[in-house]
Structures are given as C-alpha cells and as structure tokens.
Amino acid sequence: MQYALVIEEAMRGGMRIGSMILLVLIVLFFLLPILAGRAPVPGDIRAHEIGLFIGGIIGYWLDVLRTVFAAV
C-alpha cells in the first residue's frame, strides 16, 4: 500500500526526476551483481555473509571497470 502511495506521489510530480534517477542507480548498483550471481544475498546478518555480499558487489564493479578500461 505504501509503495502505491510513493509511486502516485512521484507521478504527480512530488518527487523530482533527479531523485527518481538516483533511486534507479542505487537499485541497479546492488541488483546487477546479485542477478549476475556475484553477490550472494545474505541469509542472516552474520558478518561472514555480509562480507561475502559486499565483497561480491565490489568485485563485480571492479571487473566491470577493468573490462570497460580494457576495451577503451
């Protein structure tokens, strides 16, 4: 129900377009490594699992940057 209100508010112009773009970028920052299988979603809040998650995200983006710079 709350998500519908947020979307409705955004559609009426309550949120600026910059906020929407920032939200999409943050979601993609975390979602792409998860979908690629590089960052396992933690099952609980143990330090080891959170470390694997953060390490997977950092490793994914480092590989992306290496690939981009190697192609340039």
Protein backbone atom coordinates (compact mmCIF):
# COMPACT_ATOMS: atom_id res chain seq x y z
CA MET A 1 0.00 0.00 0.00
CA GLN A 2 2.79 2.44 0.86
CA TYR A 3 4.58 1.70 -2.42
CA ALA A 4 1.46 2.68 -4.33
CA LEU A 5 1.38 6.00 -2.48
CA VAL A 6 5.05 6.66 -3.26
CA ILE A 7 4.52 5.92 -6.94
CA GLU A 8 1.37 8.03 -7.03
CA GLU A 9 3.21 10.92 -5.41
CA ALA A 10 6.04 10.56 -7.93
CA MET A 11 3.61 10.57 -10.83
CA ARG A 12 2.01 13.78 -9.58
CA GLY A 13 5.39 15.49 -9.57
CA GLY A 14 6.02 15.30 -5.84
CA MET A 15 9.45 13.79 -6.45
CA ARG A 16 11.87 15.45 -8.74
CA ILE A 17 13.24 13.50 -11.68
CA GLY A 18 16.73 13.61 -10.17
CA SER A 19 15.52 11.71 -7.11
CA MET A 20 13.98 9.04 -9.31
CA ILE A 21 17.19 8.68 -11.32
CA LEU A 22 19.24 8.41 -8.13
CA LEU A 23 16.92 5.74 -6.78
CA VAL A 24 17.20 3.72 -10.00
CA LEU A 25 21.01 3.98 -9.94
CA ILE A 26 21.17 2.78 -6.34
CA VAL A 27 18.92 -0.16 -7.12
CA LEU A 28 21.00 -1.09 -10.18
CA PHE A 29 24.21 -0.79 -8.17
CA PHE A 30 23.04 -3.59 -5.88
CA LEU A 31 20.78 -5.55 -8.24
CA LEU A 32 23.18 -6.12 -11.15
CA PRO A 33 25.80 -8.01 -9.07
CA ILE A 34 23.03 -10.06 -7.43
CA LEU A 35 21.48 -11.01 -10.77
CA ALA A 36 24.93 -11.84 -12.18
CA GLY A 37 25.45 -14.27 -9.31
CA ARG A 38 28.49 -12.44 -7.97
CA ALA A 39 26.93 -11.15 -4.73
CA PRO A 40 25.00 -13.76 -2.77
CA VAL A 41 22.12 -12.29 -0.82
CA PRO A 42 22.85 -12.72 2.91
CA GLY A 43 20.54 -15.18 4.66
CA ASP A 44 21.10 -13.52 8.01
CA ILE A 45 23.18 -10.70 9.48
CA ARG A 46 26.30 -12.67 10.29
CA ALA A 47 29.49 -10.81 9.49
CA HIS A 48 30.73 -13.54 7.13
CA GLU A 49 27.64 -13.44 4.93
CA ILE A 50 27.54 -9.65 4.83
CA GLY A 51 31.24 -9.67 3.93
CA LEU A 52 30.59 -12.06 1.04
CA PHE A 53 27.77 -9.81 -0.17
CA ILE A 54 29.82 -6.60 -0.02
CA GLY A 55 32.86 -8.33 -1.47
CA GLY A 56 30.77 -9.67 -4.35
CA ILE A 57 29.43 -6.21 -5.13
CA ILE A 58 32.89 -4.63 -5.04
CA GLY A 59 34.39 -7.45 -7.09
CA TYR A 60 31.65 -7.17 -9.70
CA TRP A 61 32.11 -3.44 -10.19
CA LEU A 62 35.91 -3.76 -10.27
CA ASP A 63 35.56 -6.34 -13.05
CA VAL A 64 33.17 -4.04 -14.90
CA LEU A 65 35.64 -1.15 -14.68
CA ARG A 66 38.55 -3.38 -15.78
CA THR A 67 36.53 -4.58 -18.78
CA VAL A 68 35.49 -1.06 -19.75
CA PHE A 69 39.01 0.33 -19.49
CA ALA A 70 40.49 -2.64 -21.35
CA ALA A 71 38.06 -2.01 -24.21
CA VAL A 72 38.95 1.67 -24.42
